[in-house]
Amino acid sequence: MNVEDLDIGDVIYAANTIIDDGSIPDGLEGEILAEAGTRGVITLIGYVEEEQARSVFLVRFEDKDMNLGSPVGCWVEDLTMEPRLIN
């Protein structure tokens, strides 16, 4: 199974640190949205109109208090199914 096989409601993790690229309404470009290894839940799966073969996942990542944040658009390569071990 891989990320593309997941569905809405499934748990996922940030594969790398996810940073606002300026596309989040009312967001701050350069702000860290999720550190690598942060757990989240998939809330929507769609595609970019210009690239219909490329999936985009809306993910709500947990904060340090385990509260879900606002949805963040992520590409498949931004996500992993395995939690990252922290040394």
PDB file of N, CA and C in Angstrom:
ATOM      1  N   MET A   1       0.847  -1.175   0.000  1.00  0.00           N
ATOM      2  CA  MET A   1       0.000   0.000   0.000  1.00  0.00           C
ATOM      3  C   MET A   1       0.892   1.238   0.000  1.00  0.00           C
ATOM      4  N   ASN A   2       0.443   2.283  -0.692  1.00  0.00           N
ATOM      5  CA  ASN A   2       1.193   3.538  -0.701  1.00  0.00           C
ATOM      6  C   ASN A   2       0.244   4.708  -0.479  1.00  0.00           C
ATOM      7  N   VAL A   3       0.783   5.907  -0.402  1.00  0.00           N
ATOM      8  CA  VAL A   3       0.003   7.103  -0.087  1.00  0.00           C
ATOM      9  C   VAL A   3      -1.193   7.255  -1.019  1.00  0.00           C
ATOM     10  N   GLU A   4      -1.026   6.983  -2.305  1.00  0.00           N
ATOM     11  CA  GLU A   4      -2.116   7.146  -3.271  1.00  0.00           C
ATOM     12  C   GLU A   4      -3.301   6.230  -2.978  1.00  0.00           C
ATOM     13  N   ASP A   5      -3.089   5.165  -2.197  1.00  0.00           N
ATOM     14  CA  ASP A   5      -4.152   4.222  -1.864  1.00  0.00           C
ATOM     15  C   ASP A   5      -4.970   4.645  -0.647  1.00  0.00           C
ATOM     16  N   LEU A   6      -4.536   5.684   0.041  1.00  0.00           N
ATOM     17  CA  LEU A   6      -5.233   6.127   1.251  1.00  0.00           C
ATOM     18  C   LEU A   6      -6.501   6.894   0.899  1.00  0.00           C
ATOM     19  N   ASP A   7      -7.354   7.085   1.904  1.00  0.00           N
ATOM     20  CA  ASP A   7      -8.641   7.735   1.692  1.00  0.00           C
ATOM     21  C   ASP A   7      -8.888   8.766   2.788  1.00  0.00           C
ATOM     22  N   ILE A   8      -9.963   9.498   2.653  1.00  0.00           N
ATOM     23  CA  ILE A   8     -10.358  10.494   3.648  1.00  0.00           C
ATOM     24  C   ILE A   8     -10.508   9.807   5.000  1.00  0.00           C
ATOM     25  N   GLY A   9      -9.949  10.437   6.033  1.00  0.00           N
ATOM     26  CA  GLY A   9     -10.001   9.905   7.387  1.00  0.00           C
ATOM     27  C   GLY A   9      -8.791   9.082   7.773  1.00  0.00           C
ATOM     28  N   ASP A  10      -7.950   8.740   6.806  1.00  0.00           N
ATOM     29  CA  ASP A  10      -6.755   7.955   7.115  1.00  0.00           C
ATOM     30  C   ASP A  10      -5.673   8.837   7.737  1.00  0.00           C
ATOM     31  N   VAL A  11      -4.878   8.222   8.621  1.00  0.00           N
ATOM     32  CA  VAL A  11      -3.766   8.910   9.271  1.00  0.00           C
ATOM     33  C   VAL A  11      -2.572   8.906   8.327  1.00  0.00           C
ATOM     34  N   ILE A  12      -1.851  10.020   8.321  1.00  0.00           N
ATOM     35  CA  ILE A  12      -0.694  10.213   7.443  1.00  0.00           C
ATOM     36  C   ILE A  12       0.336  11.027   8.215  1.00  0.00           C
ATOM     37  N   TYR A  13       1.556  11.075   7.734  1.00  0.00           N
ATOM     38  CA  TYR A  13       2.623  11.840   8.397  1.00  0.00           C
ATOM     39  C   TYR A  13       3.317  12.732   7.379  1.00  0.00           C
ATOM     40  N   ALA A  14       3.821  13.856   7.848  1.00  0.00           N
ATOM     41  CA  ALA A  14       4.616  14.734   6.984  1.00  0.00           C
ATOM     42  C   ALA A  14       5.952  14.065   6.721  1.00  0.00           C
ATOM     43  N   ALA A  15       6.287  13.853   5.455  1.00  0.00           N
ATOM     44  CA  ALA A  15       7.553  13.213   5.093  1.00  0.00           C
ATOM     45  C   ALA A  15       8.724  14.162   5.325  1.00  0.00           C
ATOM     46  N   ASN A  16       8.493  15.436   5.133  1.00  0.00           N
ATOM     47  CA  ASN A  16       9.489  16.490   5.321  1.00  0.00           C
ATOM     48  C   ASN A  16       8.782  17.672   5.968  1.00  0.00           C
ATOM     49  N   THR A  17       9.533  18.643   6.417  1.00  0.00           N
ATOM     50  CA  THR A  17       8.912  19.850   6.949  1.00  0.00           C
ATOM     51  C   THR A  17       8.152  20.535   5.826  1.00  0.00           C
ATOM     52  N   ILE A  18       6.890  20.882   6.097  1.00  0.00           N
ATOM     53  CA  ILE A  18       6.022  21.518   5.105  1.00  0.00           C
ATOM     54  C   ILE A  18       5.924  23.003   5.440  1.00  0.00           C
ATOM     55  N   ILE A  19       6.277  23.827   4.466  1.00  0.00           N
ATOM     56  CA  ILE A  19       6.354  25.278   4.650  1.00  0.00           C
ATOM     57  C   ILE A  19       5.360  25.971   3.732  1.00  0.00           C
ATOM     58  N   ASP A  20       4.709  27.018   4.232  1.00  0.00           N
ATOM     59  CA  ASP A  20       3.771  27.800   3.420  1.00  0.00           C
ATOM     60  C   ASP A  20       4.534  28.454   2.273  1.00  0.00           C
ATOM     61  N   ASP A  21       4.132  28.112   1.061  1.00  0.00           N
ATOM     62  CA  ASP A  21       4.771  28.676  -0.133  1.00  0.00           C
ATOM     63  C   ASP A  21       4.086  29.951  -0.604  1.00  0.00           C
ATOM     64  N   GLY A  22       3.188  30.472   0.222  1.00  0.00           N
ATOM     65  CA  GLY A  22       2.461  31.687  -0.125  1.00  0.00           C
ATOM     66  C   GLY A  22       1.076  31.418  -0.675  1.00  0.00           C
ATOM     67  N   SER A  23       0.698  30.150  -0.760  1.00  0.00           N
ATOM     68  CA  SER A  23      -0.596  29.804  -1.350  1.00  0.00           C
ATOM     69  C   SER A  23      -1.711  29.628  -0.320  1.00  0.00           C
ATOM     70  N   ILE A  24      -1.407  29.770   0.973  1.00  0.00           N
ATOM     71  CA  ILE A  24      -2.422  29.623   2.014  1.00  0.00           C
ATOM     72  C   ILE A  24      -3.083  30.985   2.241  1.00  0.00           C
ATOM     73  N   PRO A  25      -4.401  31.081   2.068  1.00  0.00           N
ATOM     74  CA  PRO A  25      -5.077  32.361   2.318  1.00  0.00           C
ATOM     75  C   PRO A  25      -4.824  32.835   3.752  1.00  0.00           C
ATOM     76  N   ASP A  26      -4.459  34.088   3.901  1.00  0.00           N
ATOM     77  CA  ASP A  26      -4.170  34.709   5.198  1.00  0.00           C
ATOM     78  C   ASP A  26      -2.989  34.064   5.917  1.00  0.00           C
ATOM     79  N   GLY A  27      -2.191  33.255   5.206  1.00  0.00           N
ATOM     80  CA  GLY A  27      -1.019  32.619   5.799  1.00  0.00           C
ATOM     81  C   GLY A  27       0.210  33.503   5.650  1.00  0.00           C
ATOM     82  N   LEU A  28       1.286  33.074   6.268  1.00  0.00           N
ATOM     83  CA  LEU A  28       2.556  33.790   6.183  1.00  0.00           C
ATOM     84  C   LEU A  28       3.537  32.955   5.368  1.00  0.00           C
ATOM     85  N   GLU A  29       3.941  33.449   4.228  1.00  0.00           N
ATOM     86  CA  GLU A  29       4.888  32.725   3.396  1.00  0.00           C
ATOM     87  C   GLU A  29       6.145  32.418   4.200  1.00  0.00           C
ATOM     88  N   GLY A  30       6.600  31.170   4.134  1.00  0.00           N
ATOM     89  CA  GLY A  30       7.778  30.738   4.871  1.00  0.00           C
ATOM     90  C   GLY A  30       7.461  30.140   6.235  1.00  0.00           C
ATOM     91  N   GLU A  31       6.210  30.250   6.681  1.00  0.00           N
ATOM     92  CA  GLU A  31       5.812  29.694   7.974  1.00  0.00           C
ATOM     93  C   GLU A  31       5.811  28.164   7.911  1.00  0.00           C
ATOM     94  N   ILE A  32       6.284  27.522   8.972  1.00  0.00           N
ATOM     95  CA  ILE A  32       6.261  26.064   9.048  1.00  0.00           C
ATOM     96  C   ILE A  32       4.840  25.624   9.365  1.00  0.00           C
ATOM     97  N   LEU A  33       4.292  24.774   8.496  1.00  0.00           N
ATOM     98  CA  LEU A  33       2.931  24.271   8.665  1.00  0.00           C
ATOM     99  C   LEU A  33       2.921  22.927   9.375  1.00  0.00           C
ATOM    100  N   ALA A  34       3.952  22.124   9.155  1.00  0.00           N
ATOM    101  CA  ALA A  34       4.081  20.825   9.822  1.00  0.00           C
ATOM    102  C   ALA A  34       5.540  20.407   9.771  1.00  0.00           C
ATOM    103  N   GLU A  35       6.082  20.055  10.915  1.00  0.00           N
ATOM    104  CA  GLU A  35       7.442  19.522  10.973  1.00  0.00           C
ATOM    105  C   GLU A  35       7.446  18.107  10.413  1.00  0.00           C
ATOM    106  N   ALA A  36       8.563  17.674   9.894  1.00  0.00           N
ATOM    107  CA  ALA A  36       8.697  16.296   9.419  1.00  0.00           C
ATOM    108  C   ALA A  36       8.294  15.343  10.538  1.00  0.00           C
ATOM    109  N   GLY A  37       7.483  14.349  10.208  1.00  0.00           N
ATOM    110  CA  GLY A  37       7.035  13.362  11.189  1.00  0.00           C
ATOM    111  C   GLY A  37       5.738  13.708  11.885  1.00  0.00           C
ATOM    112  N   THR A  38       5.193  14.904  11.653  1.00  0.00           N
ATOM    113  CA  THR A  38       3.942  15.303  12.292  1.00  0.00           C
ATOM    114  C   THR A  38       2.792  14.462  11.764  1.00  0.00           C
ATOM    115  N   ARG A  39       1.972  13.978  12.679  1.00  0.00           N
ATOM    116  CA  ARG A  39       0.814  13.162  12.305  1.00  0.00           C
ATOM    117  C   ARG A  39      -0.341  14.051  11.878  1.00  0.00           C
ATOM    118  N   GLY A  40      -1.085  13.569  10.884  1.00  0.00           N
ATOM    119  CA  GLY A  40      -2.254  14.295  10.417  1.00  0.00           C
ATOM    120  C   GLY A  40      -3.307  13.335   9.910  1.00  0.00           C
ATOM    121  N   VAL A  41      -4.429  13.904   9.501  1.00  0.00           N
ATOM    122  CA  VAL A  41      -5.525  13.109   8.956  1.00  0.00           C
ATOM    123  C   VAL A  41      -5.934  13.711   7.612  1.00  0.00           C
ATOM    124  N   ILE A  42      -6.182  12.856   6.634  1.00  0.00           N
ATOM    125  CA  ILE A  42      -6.595  13.303   5.312  1.00  0.00           C
ATOM    126  C   ILE A  42      -8.061  13.735   5.381  1.00  0.00           C
ATOM    127  N   THR A  43      -8.356  14.959   4.929  1.00  0.00           N
ATOM    128  CA  THR A  43      -9.724  15.466   4.968  1.00  0.00           C
ATOM    129  C   THR A  43     -10.359  15.587   3.584  1.00  0.00           C
ATOM    130  N   LEU A  44      -9.537  15.599   2.534  1.00  0.00           N
ATOM    131  CA  LEU A  44     -10.054  15.704   1.173  1.00  0.00           C
ATOM    132  C   LEU A  44      -8.955  15.289   0.207  1.00  0.00           C
ATOM    133  N   ILE A  45      -9.333  14.671  -0.886  1.00  0.00           N
ATOM    134  CA  ILE A  45      -8.379  14.304  -1.933  1.00  0.00           C
ATOM    135  C   ILE A  45      -8.923  14.836  -3.246  1.00  0.00           C
ATOM    136  N   GLY A  46      -8.080  15.548  -3.966  1.00  0.00           N
ATOM    137  CA  GLY A  46      -8.489  16.110  -5.248  1.00  0.00           C
ATOM    138  C   GLY A  46      -7.318  16.153  -6.201  1.00  0.00           C
ATOM    139  N   TYR A  47      -7.389  17.085  -7.127  1.00  0.00           N
ATOM    140  CA  TYR A  47      -6.317  17.260  -8.104  1.00  0.00           C
ATOM    141  C   TYR A  47      -6.269  18.718  -8.523  1.00  0.00           C
ATOM    142  N   VAL A  48      -5.163  19.094  -9.088  1.00  0.00           N
ATOM    143  CA  VAL A  48      -4.992  20.434  -9.628  1.00  0.00           C
ATOM    144  C   VAL A  48      -5.540  20.412 -11.044  1.00  0.00           C
ATOM    145  N   GLU A  49      -6.371  21.368 -11.375  1.00  0.00           N
ATOM    146  CA  GLU A  49      -7.040  21.363 -12.681  1.00  0.00           C
ATOM    147  C   GLU A  49      -6.072  21.237 -13.846  1.00  0.00           C
ATOM    148  N   GLU A  50      -4.914  21.899 -13.746  1.00  0.00           N
ATOM    149  CA  GLU A  50      -3.926  21.856 -14.824  1.00  0.00           C
ATOM    150  C   GLU A  50      -3.211  20.516 -14.918  1.00  0.00           C
ATOM    151  N   GLU A  51      -3.218  19.748 -13.811  1.00  0.00           N
ATOM    152  CA  GLU A  51      -2.518  18.457 -13.765  1.00  0.00           C
ATOM    153  C   GLU A  51      -3.440  17.419 -13.139  1.00  0.00           C
ATOM    154  N   GLN A  52      -4.449  17.015 -13.853  1.00  0.00           N
ATOM    155  CA  GLN A  52      -5.464  16.135 -13.280  1.00  0.00           C
ATOM    156  C   GLN A  52      -4.933  14.772 -12.862  1.00  0.00           C
ATOM    157  N   ALA A  53      -3.796  14.376 -13.369  1.00  0.00           N
ATOM    158  CA  ALA A  53      -3.211  13.095 -12.967  1.00  0.00           C
ATOM    159  C   ALA A  53      -2.446  13.201 -11.647  1.00  0.00           C
ATOM    160  N   ARG A  54      -2.255  14.427 -11.148  1.00  0.00           N
ATOM    161  CA  ARG A  54      -1.483  14.636  -9.919  1.00  0.00           C
ATOM    162  C   ARG A  54      -2.428  14.936  -8.757  1.00  0.00           C
ATOM    163  N   SER A  55      -2.455  14.039  -7.776  1.00  0.00           N
ATOM    164  CA  SER A  55      -3.340  14.194  -6.624  1.00  0.00           C
ATOM    165  C   SER A  55      -2.801  15.224  -5.640  1.00  0.00           C
ATOM    166  N   VAL A  56      -3.727  15.932  -5.024  1.00  0.00           N
ATOM    167  CA  VAL A  56      -3.404  16.826  -3.912  1.00  0.00           C
ATOM    168  C   VAL A  56      -4.267  16.379  -2.737  1.00  0.00           C
ATOM    169  N   PHE A  57      -3.645  16.311  -1.567  1.00  0.00           N
ATOM    170  CA  PHE A  57      -4.327  15.866  -0.358  1.00  0.00           C
ATOM    171  C   PHE A  57      -4.469  17.049   0.594  1.00  0.00           C
ATOM    172  N   LEU A  58      -5.675  17.264   1.114  1.00  0.00           N
ATOM    173  CA  LEU A  58      -5.841  18.234   2.192  1.00  0.00           C
ATOM    174  C   LEU A  58      -5.680  17.464   3.489  1.00  0.00           C
ATOM    175  N   VAL A  59      -4.729  17.909   4.299  1.00  0.00           N
ATOM    176  CA  VAL A  59      -4.389  17.217   5.538  1.00  0.00           C
ATOM    177  C   VAL A  59      -4.462  18.212   6.689  1.00  0.00           C
ATOM    178  N   ARG A  60      -5.065  17.771   7.784  1.00  0.00           N
ATOM    179  CA  ARG A  60      -5.059  18.555   9.025  1.00  0.00           C
ATOM    180  C   ARG A  60      -4.033  17.905   9.950  1.00  0.00           C
ATOM    181  N   PHE A  61      -2.943  18.620  10.199  1.00  0.00           N
ATOM    182  CA  PHE A  61      -1.867  18.102  11.039  1.00  0.00           C
ATOM    183  C   PHE A  61      -2.115  18.475  12.496  1.00  0.00           C
ATOM    184  N   GLU A  62      -1.622  17.614  13.392  1.00  0.00           N
ATOM    185  CA  GLU A  62      -1.742  17.873  14.829  1.00  0.00           C
ATOM    186  C   GLU A  62      -0.704  18.887  15.279  1.00  0.00           C
ATOM    187  N   ASP A  63      -1.088  19.690  16.269  1.00  0.00           N
ATOM    188  CA  ASP A  63      -0.116  20.578  16.902  1.00  0.00           C
ATOM    189  C   ASP A  63       0.455  19.851  18.124  1.00  0.00           C
ATOM    190  N   LYS A  64       1.277  20.519  18.911  1.00  0.00           N
ATOM    191  CA  LYS A  64       1.930  19.868  20.052  1.00  0.00           C
ATOM    192  C   LYS A  64       0.941  19.413  21.124  1.00  0.00           C
ATOM    193  N   ASP A  65      -0.278  19.995  21.128  1.00  0.00           N
ATOM    194  CA  ASP A  65      -1.308  19.605  22.085  1.00  0.00           C
ATOM    195  C   ASP A  65      -2.288  18.593  21.488  1.00  0.00           C
ATOM    196  N   MET A  66      -1.948  18.057  20.302  1.00  0.00           N
ATOM    197  CA  MET A  66      -2.736  17.068  19.589  1.00  0.00           C
ATOM    198  C   MET A  66      -4.067  17.608  19.052  1.00  0.00           C
ATOM    199  N   ASN A  67      -4.139  18.942  18.861  1.00  0.00           N
ATOM    200  CA  ASN A  67      -5.293  19.548  18.218  1.00  0.00           C
ATOM    201  C   ASN A  67      -5.036  19.609  16.723  1.00  0.00           C
ATOM    202  N   LEU A  68      -6.068  19.364  15.922  1.00  0.00           N
ATOM    203  CA  LEU A  68      -5.904  19.431  14.479  1.00  0.00           C
ATOM    204  C   LEU A  68      -5.906  20.877  14.010  1.00  0.00           C
ATOM    205  N   GLY A  69      -4.948  21.197  13.138  1.00  0.00           N
ATOM    206  CA  GLY A  69      -4.841  22.532  12.584  1.00  0.00           C
ATOM    207  C   GLY A  69      -5.704  22.687  11.338  1.00  0.00           C
ATOM    208  N   SER A  70      -5.565  23.804  10.690  1.00  0.00           N
ATOM    209  CA  SER A  70      -6.279  24.079   9.450  1.00  0.00           C
ATOM    210  C   SER A  70      -5.781  23.150   8.348  1.00  0.00           C
ATOM    211  N   PRO A  71      -6.625  22.875   7.352  1.00  0.00           N
ATOM    212  CA  PRO A  71      -6.205  21.995   6.254  1.00  0.00           C
ATOM    213  C   PRO A  71      -5.034  22.590   5.466  1.00  0.00           C
ATOM    214  N   VAL A  72      -4.116  21.709   5.093  1.00  0.00           N
ATOM    215  CA  VAL A  72      -2.933  22.077   4.323  1.00  0.00           C
ATOM    216  C   VAL A  72      -2.926  21.221   3.063  1.00  0.00           C
ATOM    217  N   GLY A  73      -2.746  21.842   1.906  1.00  0.00           N
ATOM    218  CA  GLY A  73      -2.642  21.096   0.658  1.00  0.00           C
ATOM    219  C   GLY A  73      -1.260  20.470   0.533  1.00  0.00           C
ATOM    220  N   CYS A  74      -1.215  19.169   0.276  1.00  0.00           N
ATOM    221  CA  CYS A  74       0.051  18.434   0.201  1.00  0.00           C
ATOM    222  C   CYS A  74       0.092  17.571  -1.055  1.00  0.00           C
ATOM    223  N   TRP A  75       1.273  17.468  -1.641  1.00  0.00           N
ATOM    224  CA  TRP A  75       1.504  16.540  -2.738  1.00  0.00           C
ATOM    225  C   TRP A  75       1.833  15.182  -2.151  1.00  0.00           C
ATOM    226  N   VAL A  76       1.738  14.142  -2.949  1.00  0.00           N
ATOM    227  CA  VAL A  76       2.067  12.785  -2.507  1.00  0.00           C
ATOM    228  C   VAL A  76       3.461  12.744  -1.894  1.00  0.00           C
ATOM    229  N   GLU A  77       4.431  13.420  -2.526  1.00  0.00           N
ATOM    230  CA  GLU A  77       5.809  13.365  -2.031  1.00  0.00           C
ATOM    231  C   GLU A  77       6.009  14.084  -0.692  1.00  0.00           C
ATOM    232  N   ASP A  78       5.013  14.866  -0.253  1.00  0.00           N
ATOM    233  CA  ASP A  78       5.077  15.532   1.052  1.00  0.00           C
ATOM    234  C   ASP A  78       4.669  14.616   2.190  1.00  0.00           C
ATOM    235  N   LEU A  79       4.119  13.454   1.848  1.00  0.00           N
ATOM    236  CA  LEU A  79       3.479  12.597   2.846  1.00  0.00           C
ATOM    237  C   LEU A  79       4.108  11.210   2.898  1.00  0.00           C
ATOM    238  N   THR A  80       3.982  10.586   4.062  1.00  0.00           N
ATOM    239  CA  THR A  80       4.441   9.211   4.251  1.00  0.00           C
ATOM    240  C   THR A  80       3.449   8.490   5.153  1.00  0.00           C
ATOM    241  N   MET A  81       3.426   7.190   5.034  1.00  0.00           N
ATOM    242  CA  MET A  81       2.522   6.391   5.853  1.00  0.00           C
ATOM    243  C   MET A  81       3.161   5.939   7.154  1.00  0.00           C
ATOM    244  N   GLU A  82       4.464   6.120   7.284  1.00  0.00           N
ATOM    245  CA  GLU A  82       5.195   5.648   8.454  1.00  0.00           C
ATOM    246  C   GLU A  82       5.597   6.823   9.349  1.00  0.00           C
ATOM    247  N   PRO A  83       5.391   6.700  10.640  1.00  0.00           N
ATOM    248  CA  PRO A  83       5.858   7.763  11.537  1.00  0.00           C
ATOM    249  C   PRO A  83       7.375   7.839  11.526  1.00  0.00           C
ATOM    250  N   ARG A  84       7.889   9.016  11.644  1.00  0.00           N
ATOM    251  CA  ARG A  84       9.346   9.223  11.678  1.00  0.00           C
ATOM    252  C   ARG A  84       9.822   9.068  13.104  1.00  0.00           C
ATOM    253  N   LEU A  85      10.806   8.230  13.296  1.00  0.00           N
ATOM    254  CA  LEU A  85      11.362   8.033  14.632  1.00  0.00           C
ATOM    255  C   LEU A  85      12.259   9.198  14.984  1.00  0.00           C
ATOM    256  N   ILE A  86      12.046   9.744  16.170  1.00  0.00           N
ATOM    257  CA  ILE A  86      12.845  10.878  16.646  1.00  0.00           C
ATOM    258  C   ILE A  86      13.837  10.358  17.654  1.00  0.00           C
ATOM    259  N   ASN A  87      15.122  10.648  17.418  1.00  0.00           N
ATOM    260  CA  ASN A  87      16.180  10.182  18.328  1.00  0.00           C
ATOM    261  C   ASN A  87      16.378  11.151  19.444  1.00  0.00           C
TER     262      ASN A  87
END
